[in-house]
């Protein structure tokens, strides 16, 4: 059975605290705080990627990470289009196009794709995806990141997402990947800089695009990992004036549309989407968990090595005194999650969705399956894919980091 990740799957510790709401006023609530313990569904969203030796045809790896993302279908309220998402430099350039997915019997199995089957935008970000909806079975242990978890520019502006946000990623620890099953590892850190349209960064596939910078120690194997950011009420260190502006915005969320901000930060947003997220997740004010983007690589750190004095019988070292070395730093490059929306608008994905939705409608009509009731008279769930305002520019500082090229993970 398909499992969709929800806010409750991030098992935050809780405690009582006084909170204000528009409807109730001041009340004592049971609110989340700190770093969440993650439900096993989070681990099931990630998979590992393998390739083939071009000479022997033998499967080699693992060589990278990917994750499952789901979009609501229109054929039936319970239907999803499911995509495997990873980095272009992993699945296409390196040829690690074979997915290894865990199964419910404690093992794993391959889902074979060729590198050319992974879709990407020409001269686009270090990002690619493939439709896996019809390749997943009841034997597979997987969960999906819902498309409405994508952290877009509107959410960034309205929630004032910025430096210091807590976050984590899930992916491949290459030294202990698991022989029978994928063993998913976590890395933790904080948002360092947001993507800036006028300050693009060279991503590991060799092209420059606006990218987030995340302060999180990484290593080869985590490329393609999903990176999440979260906030709890106790984790907000902004001053009272800023929190007051956010509260004023939240108090006007009953309107369907609203213009907020000014200058580069002015946006017309669909506030009903925020209402739905709050209602479905039962989250309190100033609390969220969202997909920031896809980990692509990290900047190298230049260091000066000094070897320790040799003991008797020890052979000479290759590294010489004062040799310059480069090691991966904690400054990781993250492809913004909103770029996934651009990718999934490709004609091939749209054609697949259209045909699958048509098939699902026909099957639903044959079985006479019921549709859920809706208090607003709309029986179809809100679509998660086409919001044109997602493509507007959002400006923040990346600074001198853009002049260095990151290493692939």
Foldseek 3Di string as FASTA:
>chain_A
DEAADFPVQQAFQWDWDWDQDLPPGTDIDTFGDDGTDGHCQVVQQKWFFWAADPVPRDIDDRFAMWGKEWWQAFLARPDTWIKIKFFLCGCAVVVRVWTWFAFPVGFIDIDDDTSVQWFDDVLDGRMTMHTCRPVDDPGTRHYHHYLLQADFLLNCLLLVDFWFFKKKWKWAPRVPQDDGHGDIDMKIFIWHWFFAQVQWAQFQVGHTGTWTKTQIDDDGHHGNIWMKTKWTPVRDPDDPVVVVVSSVVVSPLVDQWDWDDDDLSTDIDGSVSVVVSCVVNVHDPSTDMGTFAGWWFAFKDKDFDADDDDDPPDDDDPDHHRDIDIDGGSTTIGHGSLVVLVRCPDPVNVVVSVVVSVVSNVVCVVVVDDFDDDPVRDRGDDTSRDDPRSPRGDRIDPPPNRVTYGHGD
